[in-house]
Amino acid sequence: MPFKVAIVGRPNVGKSSLFNRIVGSRLAITDDAAGITRDRIYARAEWLTKNFRVIDTGGIDLGDAPFLTHIKAQAQIAMDEADVTLFVVDGKMGISTSDHYIAKMLYKSEKPVLLVVNKIDDVAQMANAYEFYALGLGDPIAVSSHHGIGIGDLLDKIISFMSEPAKTEYEDAIAFSIVGRPNVGKSSLANAILGQERTIVSEISGTTRDAIDTEFKKDRKHYVVIDTAGIKKRGKIYENADKYSVLRALSAIERSEVALLVIDGEEGIIEQDKHVAGFIADAYKAVVIVFNKWDAVTKDERTMKKMEDKVRHEFQFLPYAPVVFVSAKHGERIQTIFPALNLAYENYHKRVKTSVLNDILQDALQMNPTPIHNHGKAQFNYVTQVASKPPTFVFFVNNPDFVHFSYQRYLANQLRKAIDFTGTPLKIILRKKD
């Protein structure tokens, strides 16, 4: 299970700004109006080689604003899920009645709580943090999410609660998860792959609540299939029975090496499919896109090609994902999954010789020399692979700031043209050459 950090607090104290600062991107909506964030938002974060998930939540208040009951439920779920809770308060406004109410909620938790006093924008305001000792939650940590002050100290404190990550559960097996929005046929697909009724199959959306691991062998290969609960749209995750389903699905993705993204072939691609695909891409996992219920689609000789073209258009951030078309209900074309799955797994583990990589780099530089960017021209010296799962490459350059993101994408594309990386993401790291 990935380590999880929940951010809670009353409205307009800067929770979403802190979330964005920690994860390094503007995933959460920030605004001066209170109550902008209503539901939990999940994202990955990294600090000093430690990876963890961050959960942003809506503001908890004592008023009767719309969605307040929903927001409180969301925040409670986030605190239940989290390993550490960040209780964010406003260092300029001081303690409020809502802060005392939230503190009482947190007293009941047996998990660590870090009291984060936000909006401490300069040293002169540091004394404001001392007032919050009255909440009885330990030493306040003064930060400014807007200016980035104190964020490093906060992150150091967060990772101090993390233990060493456990080894992969299935060292000698191809572990793959079956993920997608509810009712696209994930359990039916798991049963078709296994050839027997190992999980409940129902037309009722959300029947599978837990991740279910099943080991099996096929063609002398050892596999583990991880069936998961459907990932629901974020605004609909507050029923008690569903409150952990998204987290379990995310955990299944984390524990697997390849994710089968299941899409309803009859209904086609909808926005929620992209959200699920985003979770896979965010976790840097290999992926195979599986169109299920293909038997229900009216087809001609061009239908499959048209659908694959649509996939490339809708999932532009997954251009490397192979696409297969199956009917889990009738067991049709299930055999096409395994070649794509095996190829994605092999490429996810692939290692490339340094000499080959540098030949590719030199050819790329000759075909498309680096442009001027940020008042400088990038000069690449060397490239080497430093890890697999996914394949990770370090490019040594005179100044990483001179490399435009489009050129970084060009280098990744040149690697893919020269070497088969079907099914797997690539991680590109730019490092300054001393």
Protein backbone atom coordinates (compact mmCIF):
# COMPACT_ATOMS: atom_id res chain seq x y z
CA MET A 1 0.00 0.00 0.00
CA PRO A 2 1.42 3.45 -0.86
CA PHE A 3 2.04 5.86 1.99
CA LYS A 4 -0.78 8.44 2.13
CA VAL A 5 -0.92 12.01 3.44
CA ALA A 6 -4.29 13.76 3.87
CA ILE A 7 -4.63 17.56 3.95
CA VAL A 8 -7.59 18.83 6.01
CA GLY A 9 -8.71 22.16 7.44
CA ARG A 10 -11.44 24.75 7.27
CA PRO A 11 -12.17 26.60 3.99
CA ASN A 12 -9.75 29.11 2.51
CA VAL A 13 -6.71 28.31 4.67
CA GLY A 14 -4.63 27.30 1.63
CA LYS A 15 -5.04 23.51 1.60
CA SER A 16 -5.13 23.27 -2.18
CA SER A 17 -2.16 25.64 -2.54
CA LEU A 18 -0.20 23.43 -0.15
CA PHE A 19 -1.31 20.35 -2.09
CA ASN A 20 -0.09 21.91 -5.35
CA ARG A 21 3.20 22.92 -3.74
CA ILE A 22 3.83 19.37 -2.45
CA VAL A 23 2.91 17.51 -5.66
CA GLY A 24 4.62 20.10 -7.87
CA SER A 25 1.70 20.85 -10.18
CA ARG A 26 -1.56 22.76 -10.14
CA LEU A 27 -3.93 19.78 -9.95
CA ALA A 28 -6.19 21.31 -7.32
CA ILE A 29 -8.30 24.41 -8.04
CA THR A 30 -7.26 27.38 -5.94
CA ASP A 31 -9.36 30.49 -5.42
CA ASP A 32 -9.95 33.08 -2.73
CA ALA A 33 -13.60 31.97 -2.46
CA ALA A 34 -14.21 29.45 0.31
CA GLY A 35 -15.30 25.92 -0.50
CA ILE A 36 -13.85 25.56 -4.00
CA THR A 37 -12.54 22.02 -3.37
CA ARG A 38 -15.44 19.69 -2.54
CA ASP A 39 -14.08 16.21 -3.15
CA ARG A 40 -10.87 14.37 -2.49
CA ILE A 41 -8.13 14.77 -5.09
CA TYR A 42 -5.30 12.23 -5.21
CA ALA A 43 -1.80 12.78 -6.59
CA ARG A 44 1.68 11.32 -6.27
CA ALA A 45 4.49 13.27 -4.65
CA GLU A 46 8.21 12.65 -4.21
CA TRP A 47 10.73 13.98 -1.72
CA LEU A 48 14.32 12.76 -1.32
CA THR A 49 13.57 9.60 -3.39
CA LYS A 50 10.53 8.79 -1.21
CA ASN A 51 7.20 8.46 -3.01
CA PHE A 52 3.81 8.94 -1.40
CA ARG A 53 0.23 9.93 -2.23
CA VAL A 54 -1.33 13.21 -1.21
CA ILE A 55 -5.09 13.62 -0.67
CA ASP A 56 -6.60 17.11 -0.90
CA THR A 57 -10.03 17.64 0.69
CA GLY A 58 -12.80 20.20 0.89
CA GLY A 59 -12.88 22.68 3.75
CA ILE A 60 -14.63 21.60 6.98
CA ASP A 61 -16.82 24.31 8.49
CA LEU A 62 -19.64 24.57 11.01
CA GLY A 63 -21.99 26.49 8.74
CA ASP A 64 -24.86 25.20 6.64
CA ALA A 65 -23.28 25.76 3.23
CA PRO A 66 -24.27 23.46 0.35
CA PHE A 67 -22.36 20.16 0.22
CA LEU A 68 -21.13 20.60 3.82
CA THR A 69 -22.26 17.12 4.91
CA HIS A 70 -20.61 15.68 1.80
CA ILE A 71 -17.38 17.64 2.47
CA LYS A 72 -17.21 16.44 6.09
CA ALA A 73 -17.71 12.85 4.92
CA GLN A 74 -14.99 13.24 2.30
CA ALA A 75 -12.55 14.67 4.84
CA GLN A 76 -13.31 11.88 7.33
CA ILE A 77 -12.70 9.28 4.62
CA ALA A 78 -9.40 10.92 3.73
CA MET A 79 -8.31 10.88 7.39
CA ASP A 80 -9.31 7.21 7.68
CA GLU A 81 -7.24 6.37 4.60
CA ALA A 82 -4.19 8.45 5.49
CA ASP A 83 -1.04 7.42 7.32
CA VAL A 84 -0.37 11.06 8.29
CA THR A 85 -2.81 13.99 8.39
CA LEU A 86 -1.77 17.58 7.74
CA PHE A 87 -4.11 19.91 9.64
CA VAL A 88 -3.77 23.28 7.89
CA VAL A 89 -4.68 26.49 9.73
CA ASP A 90 -4.52 30.18 8.77
CA GLY A 91 -1.60 31.97 10.44
CA LYS A 92 -3.02 35.38 9.61
CA MET A 93 -6.60 34.83 10.78
CA GLY A 94 -5.79 32.93 13.99
CA ILE A 95 -7.76 30.11 15.65
CA SER A 96 -11.43 29.76 14.72
CA THR A 97 -14.31 27.71 16.11
CA SER A 98 -14.00 25.44 13.06
CA ASP A 99 -10.33 24.81 13.89
CA HIS A 100 -11.33 23.59 17.36
CA TYR A 101 -14.02 21.36 15.78
CA ILE A 102 -11.52 19.79 13.36
CA ALA A 103 -8.99 19.34 16.19
CA LYS A 104 -11.61 17.34 18.11
CA MET A 105 -12.08 15.11 15.03
CA LEU A 106 -8.34 14.55 14.89
CA TYR A 107 -8.06 13.72 18.62
CA LYS A 108 -9.96 10.50 17.85
CA SER A 109 -7.39 9.45 15.25
CA GLU A 110 -4.59 7.17 16.37
CA LYS A 111 -2.48 8.29 13.40
CA PRO A 112 0.12 11.08 13.35
CA VAL A 113 -1.14 14.64 12.86
CA LEU A 114 1.07 17.53 11.75
CA LEU A 115 -0.26 21.00 12.57
CA VAL A 116 0.64 23.24 9.61
CA VAL A 117 0.30 26.99 10.10
CA ASN A 118 0.02 28.44 6.59
CA LYS A 119 0.40 32.03 5.32
CA ILE A 120 3.49 32.75 7.43
CA ASP A 121 5.07 34.79 4.64
CA ASP A 122 8.01 36.34 6.51
CA VAL A 123 10.00 36.01 9.73
CA ALA A 124 8.04 38.82 11.39
CA GLN A 125 4.91 36.64 11.32
CA MET A 126 6.54 33.57 12.93
CA ALA A 127 5.13 34.49 16.35
CA ASN A 128 1.61 33.99 14.92
CA ALA A 129 2.23 30.22 14.88
CA TYR A 130 2.56 30.00 18.67
CA GLU A 131 -1.14 30.73 19.18
CA PHE A 132 -1.98 27.33 17.68
CA TYR A 133 -0.41 25.42 20.56
CA ALA A 134 -3.86 25.93 22.13
CA LEU A 135 -5.25 23.27 19.76
CA GLY A 136 -3.28 20.60 21.63
CA LEU A 137 -1.84 18.95 18.52
CA GLY A 138 1.85 19.41 19.15
CA ASP A 139 4.39 21.81 17.68
CA PRO A 140 3.07 24.01 14.85
CA ILE A 141 5.01 23.93 11.58
CA ALA A 142 5.07 27.40 9.98
CA VAL A 143 4.89 27.47 6.17
CA SER A 144 3.93 29.69 3.28
CA SER A 145 2.49 27.56 0.50
CA HIS A 146 2.39 30.66 -1.71
CA HIS A 147 6.12 31.43 -1.37
CA GLY A 148 7.36 27.90 -0.62
CA ILE A 149 8.71 28.84 2.82
CA GLY A 150 9.04 25.90 5.22
CA ILE A 151 7.84 23.31 2.69
CA GLY A 152 11.14 21.39 2.79
CA ASP A 153 10.99 21.10 6.58
CA LEU A 154 7.39 19.89 6.35
CA LEU A 155 8.30 17.26 3.76
CA ASP A 156 11.23 16.09 5.91
CA LYS A 157 8.77 15.60 8.76
CA ILE A 158 6.32 13.70 6.53
CA ILE A 159 8.87 11.20 5.24
CA SER A 160 10.20 10.64 8.78
CA PHE A 161 7.00 8.62 9.36
CA MET A 162 7.67 6.38 6.35
CA SER A 163 9.23 2.97 6.76
CA GLU A 164 11.31 1.28 4.09
CA PRO A 165 9.12 0.14 1.16
CA ALA A 166 8.30 -3.54 1.06
CA LYS A 167 9.52 -5.63 -1.82
CA THR A 168 7.15 -6.41 -4.64
CA GLU A 169 4.73 -9.08 -3.49
CA TYR A 170 5.15 -11.24 -6.59
CA GLU A 171 8.83 -11.23 -7.48
CA ASP A 172 8.65 -14.14 -9.92
CA ALA A 173 5.31 -13.38 -11.58
CA ILE A 174 3.83 -10.98 -14.11
CA ALA A 175 1.50 -9.02 -11.84
CA PHE A 176 -1.20 -7.11 -13.70
CA SER A 177 -4.22 -5.18 -12.49
CA ILE A 178 -7.59 -4.89 -14.21
CA VAL A 179 -8.83 -1.34 -13.78
CA GLY A 180 -11.51 0.92 -15.18
CA ARG A 181 -14.65 2.76 -14.28
CA PRO A 182 -17.55 0.72 -12.81
CA ASN A 183 -19.53 -1.76 -14.87
CA VAL A 184 -17.21 -2.08 -17.87
CA GLY A 185 -16.80 -5.82 -17.25
CA LYS A 186 -13.59 -6.02 -15.22
CA SER A 187 -14.71 -9.00 -13.12
CA SER A 188 -16.04 -10.76 -16.21
CA LEU A 189 -12.68 -10.19 -17.90
CA ALA A 190 -10.84 -11.59 -14.86
CA ASN A 191 -13.06 -14.67 -14.96
CA ALA A 192 -12.52 -15.10 -18.69
CA ILE A 193 -8.75 -14.86 -18.24
CA LEU A 194 -8.80 -17.34 -15.37
CA GLY A 195 -11.29 -19.62 -17.08
CA GLN A 196 -13.42 -19.99 -13.98
CA GLU A 197 -15.76 -18.05 -11.70
CA ARG A 198 -13.30 -16.73 -9.12
CA THR A 199 -15.03 -13.36 -8.53
CA ILE A 200 -18.64 -12.20 -8.38
CA VAL A 201 -20.05 -11.01 -11.69
CA SER A 202 -23.09 -8.76 -11.70
CA GLU A 203 -24.70 -6.08 -13.81
CA ILE A 204 -24.96 -3.91 -10.67
CA SER A 205 -22.33 -1.18 -10.82
CA GLY A 206 -19.66 -1.49 -8.13
CA THR A 207 -20.16 -5.13 -7.08
CA THR A 208 -16.42 -5.65 -6.53
CA ARG A 209 -15.39 -3.71 -3.43
CA ASP A 210 -11.93 -5.11 -2.79
CA ALA A 211 -8.88 -5.91 -4.85
CA ILE A 212 -8.66 -9.69 -5.34
CA ASP A 213 -5.32 -11.31 -6.27
CA THR A 214 -5.33 -14.62 -8.11
CA GLU A 215 -2.22 -16.51 -9.21
CA PHE A 216 -2.29 -18.71 -12.29
CA LYS A 217 -0.03 -20.19 -14.97
CA LYS A 218 -0.39 -20.01 -18.73
CA ASP A 219 2.06 -21.24 -21.36
CA ARG A 220 4.63 -21.88 -18.63
CA LYS A 221 4.46 -18.27 -17.44
CA HIS A 222 3.48 -17.29 -13.90
CA TYR A 223 0.87 -14.52 -13.60
CA VAL A 224 -1.03 -12.71 -10.87
CA VAL A 225 -4.23 -10.92 -11.84
CA ILE A 226 -5.43 -8.19 -9.47
CA ASP A 227 -9.14 -7.49 -9.90
CA THR A 228 -10.30 -4.15 -8.50
CA ALA A 229 -13.34 -2.11 -7.64
CA GLY A 230 -14.40 0.32 -10.35
CA ILE A 231 -12.95 3.80 -10.06
CA LYS A 232 -15.93 6.10 -9.67
CA LYS A 233 -16.18 9.73 -10.63
CA ARG A 234 -14.78 11.79 -7.76
CA GLY A 235 -18.05 13.56 -7.00
CA LYS A 236 -19.77 10.25 -6.26
CA ILE A 237 -17.42 8.71 -3.73
CA TYR A 238 -19.10 9.31 -0.41
CA GLU A 239 -21.30 6.24 0.18
CA ASN A 240 -19.90 4.14 3.02
CA ALA A 241 -19.69 1.00 0.88
CA ASP A 242 -17.62 2.77 -1.76
CA LYS A 243 -15.39 4.96 0.37
CA TYR A 244 -12.27 2.84 -0.08
CA SER A 245 -12.87 1.59 -3.64
CA VAL A 246 -10.78 4.26 -5.39
CA LEU A 247 -7.89 3.90 -2.98
CA ARG A 248 -7.91 0.11 -3.40
CA ALA A 249 -7.92 0.47 -7.17
CA LEU A 250 -5.01 2.90 -6.95
CA SER A 251 -3.21 0.49 -4.64
CA ALA A 252 -3.80 -2.32 -7.14
CA ILE A 253 -2.19 -0.20 -9.84
CA GLU A 254 0.75 0.50 -7.52
CA ARG A 255 1.24 -3.21 -6.74
CA SER A 256 1.05 -4.30 -10.37
CA GLU A 257 3.57 -3.81 -13.15
CA VAL A 258 1.07 -3.80 -16.02
CA ALA A 259 -2.43 -2.33 -15.91
CA LEU A 260 -5.20 -3.53 -18.20
CA LEU A 261 -7.36 -0.46 -18.76
CA VAL A 262 -10.83 -1.81 -19.53
CA ILE A 263 -13.21 0.31 -21.64
CA ASP A 264 -16.82 -0.42 -22.51
CA GLY A 265 -16.68 -1.04 -26.27
CA GLU A 266 -20.41 -0.61 -26.61
CA GLU A 267 -20.55 2.76 -24.82
CA GLY A 268 -17.20 3.99 -26.12
CA ILE A 269 -14.64 6.29 -24.49
CA ILE A 270 -15.94 8.77 -21.92
CA GLU A 271 -14.18 11.33 -19.75
CA GLN A 272 -13.95 9.01 -16.74
CA ASP A 273 -11.91 6.53 -18.79
CA LYS A 274 -9.32 9.30 -19.20
CA HIS A 275 -9.27 9.85 -15.44
CA VAL A 276 -8.49 6.17 -14.87
CA ALA A 277 -5.83 6.25 -17.60
CA GLY A 278 -4.34 9.27 -15.85
CA PHE A 279 -3.92 7.24 -12.65
CA ILE A 280 -1.97 4.60 -14.61
CA ALA A 281 0.24 7.17 -16.33
CA ASP A 282 0.78 8.96 -13.00
CA ALA A 283 2.04 5.71 -11.47
CA TYR A 284 4.43 5.06 -14.41
CA LYS A 285 3.02 1.58 -15.04
CA ALA A 286 2.97 -0.38 -18.27
CA VAL A 287 -0.48 -0.48 -19.84
CA VAL A 288 -2.68 -2.38 -22.29
CA ILE A 289 -6.01 -0.86 -23.36
CA VAL A 290 -8.75 -3.52 -23.51
CA PHE A 291 -12.02 -2.78 -25.30
CA ASN A 292 -14.55 -5.13 -23.73
CA LYS A 293 -18.11 -5.98 -24.91
CA TRP A 294 -16.84 -5.98 -28.48
CA ASP A 295 -19.53 -8.53 -29.36
CA ALA A 296 -22.19 -5.83 -28.84
CA VAL A 297 -20.57 -3.43 -31.33
CA THR A 298 -21.90 -3.26 -34.89
CA LYS A 299 -18.77 -3.82 -36.96
CA ASP A 300 -17.35 -3.86 -40.44
CA GLU A 301 -13.79 -4.44 -41.63
CA ARG A 302 -12.78 -0.87 -40.68
CA THR A 303 -14.39 -0.60 -37.22
CA MET A 304 -11.39 -1.85 -35.28
CA LYS A 305 -9.00 0.51 -37.08
CA LYS A 306 -11.34 3.48 -36.53
CA MET A 307 -11.59 2.68 -32.82
CA GLU A 308 -7.83 2.37 -32.46
CA ASP A 309 -7.42 5.76 -34.18
CA LYS A 310 -9.93 7.22 -31.73
CA VAL A 311 -7.95 5.76 -28.83
CA ARG A 312 -4.80 7.48 -30.09
CA HIS A 313 -6.69 10.76 -30.32
CA GLU A 314 -8.40 10.54 -26.91
CA PHE A 315 -5.41 9.07 -25.01
CA GLN A 316 -2.62 11.18 -26.46
CA PHE A 317 -0.64 10.76 -23.23
CA LEU A 318 -0.59 6.95 -23.77
CA PRO A 319 0.62 6.67 -27.40
CA TYR A 320 2.64 3.57 -26.49
CA ALA A 321 -0.32 1.49 -25.19
CA PRO A 322 -1.31 -1.53 -27.32
CA VAL A 323 -5.05 -1.93 -27.91
CA VAL A 324 -6.97 -5.23 -27.93
CA PHE A 325 -10.66 -5.95 -28.52
CA VAL A 326 -12.42 -8.71 -26.56
CA SER A 327 -15.74 -10.00 -25.33
CA ALA A 328 -15.32 -11.26 -21.77
CA LYS A 329 -18.95 -12.40 -21.68
CA HIS A 330 -18.48 -14.79 -24.60
CA GLY A 331 -14.76 -15.46 -24.12
CA GLU A 332 -13.93 -14.07 -27.56
CA ARG A 333 -10.42 -12.87 -28.45
CA ILE A 334 -9.23 -13.26 -24.82
CA GLN A 335 -6.07 -14.88 -26.17
CA THR A 336 -5.06 -11.56 -27.80
CA ILE A 337 -4.49 -10.02 -24.37
CA PHE A 338 -1.48 -12.16 -23.44
CA PRO A 339 0.92 -11.22 -26.28
CA ALA A 340 0.25 -7.53 -25.58
CA LEU A 341 0.55 -8.08 -21.81
CA ASN A 342 3.81 -10.02 -22.12
CA LEU A 343 5.32 -7.44 -24.49
CA ALA A 344 4.41 -4.55 -22.20
CA TYR A 345 5.90 -6.41 -19.22
CA GLU A 346 9.14 -7.24 -21.06
CA ASN A 347 9.56 -3.65 -22.27
CA TYR A 348 8.81 -2.34 -18.77
CA HIS A 349 11.85 -4.32 -17.58
CA LYS A 350 14.00 -3.60 -20.64
CA ARG A 351 17.65 -2.53 -20.31
CA VAL A 352 19.58 -0.87 -23.15
CA LYS A 353 23.37 -0.66 -23.50
CA THR A 354 24.90 2.75 -22.92
CA SER A 355 26.73 2.64 -26.25
CA VAL A 356 23.46 2.07 -28.11
CA LEU A 357 21.77 4.93 -26.26
CA ASN A 358 24.57 7.35 -27.12
CA ASP A 359 24.41 6.38 -30.79
CA ILE A 360 20.67 7.19 -30.70
CA LEU A 361 21.39 10.51 -28.95
CA GLN A 362 23.98 11.56 -31.53
CA ASP A 363 21.66 10.67 -34.42
CA ALA A 364 18.85 12.65 -32.77
CA LEU A 365 21.09 15.70 -32.30
CA GLN A 366 22.21 15.60 -35.93
CA MET A 367 18.66 15.30 -37.26
CA ASN A 368 17.27 18.03 -35.04
CA PRO A 369 19.86 20.24 -33.30
CA THR A 370 18.83 21.80 -29.99
CA PRO A 371 17.11 25.18 -30.34
CA ILE A 372 17.78 28.30 -28.28
CA HIS A 373 15.67 28.24 -25.10
CA ASN A 374 15.85 30.44 -21.98
CA HIS A 375 18.67 32.46 -23.61
CA GLY A 376 20.86 29.41 -24.01
CA LYS A 377 21.55 26.37 -26.19
CA ALA A 378 21.54 22.89 -24.68
CA GLN A 379 24.62 20.76 -25.29
CA PHE A 380 24.09 17.07 -24.55
CA ASN A 381 27.15 15.07 -23.54
CA TYR A 382 25.96 11.64 -22.58
CA VAL A 383 22.96 9.42 -21.84
CA THR A 384 22.69 6.28 -19.73
CA GLN A 385 19.91 4.08 -18.39
CA VAL A 386 19.79 4.15 -14.60
CA ALA A 387 16.73 1.99 -13.90
CA SER A 388 13.95 -0.13 -15.34
CA LYS A 389 10.31 -0.50 -14.27
CA PRO A 390 9.91 1.87 -16.11
CA PRO A 391 13.02 2.37 -18.25
CA THR A 392 14.64 5.52 -16.84
CA PHE A 393 17.28 7.51 -18.71
CA VAL A 394 19.55 10.29 -17.49
CA PHE A 395 20.67 12.80 -20.10
CA PHE A 396 23.70 14.89 -19.11
CA VAL A 397 23.48 18.43 -20.47
CA ASN A 398 25.29 21.73 -19.87
CA ASN A 399 22.13 23.31 -18.42
CA PRO A 400 18.74 21.54 -18.04
CA ASP A 401 17.01 24.94 -18.16
CA PHE A 402 18.04 25.25 -21.80
CA VAL A 403 15.98 22.15 -22.76
CA HIS A 404 12.41 22.90 -23.83
CA PHE A 405 9.86 20.24 -22.84
CA SER A 406 9.11 19.61 -26.53
CA TYR A 407 12.75 18.68 -27.15
CA GLN A 408 12.68 16.34 -24.18
CA ARG A 409 9.63 14.71 -25.75
CA TYR A 410 11.52 14.53 -29.08
CA LEU A 411 14.35 12.61 -27.41
CA ALA A 412 11.86 10.15 -25.88
CA ASN A 413 10.26 9.65 -29.31
CA GLN A 414 13.68 8.99 -30.87
CA LEU A 415 14.33 6.32 -28.24
CA ARG A 416 11.01 4.71 -29.12
CA LYS A 417 11.76 4.82 -32.86
CA ALA A 418 15.06 3.03 -32.35
CA ILE A 419 13.96 0.55 -29.66
CA ASP A 420 10.66 -1.22 -29.08
CA PHE A 421 9.13 0.21 -25.92
CA THR A 422 5.54 -0.74 -26.72
CA GLY A 423 3.36 -0.74 -23.62
CA THR A 424 5.70 1.04 -21.23
CA PRO A 425 6.23 4.66 -20.25
CA LEU A 426 9.72 6.13 -20.30
CA LYS A 427 11.14 8.41 -17.64
CA ILE A 428 13.55 11.09 -18.83
CA ILE A 429 15.81 12.89 -16.33
CA LEU A 430 17.98 15.87 -17.25
CA ARG A 431 21.11 16.35 -15.19
CA LYS A 432 23.68 19.12 -15.35
CA LYS A 433 27.08 18.00 -16.58
CA ASP A 434 29.80 19.35 -14.29
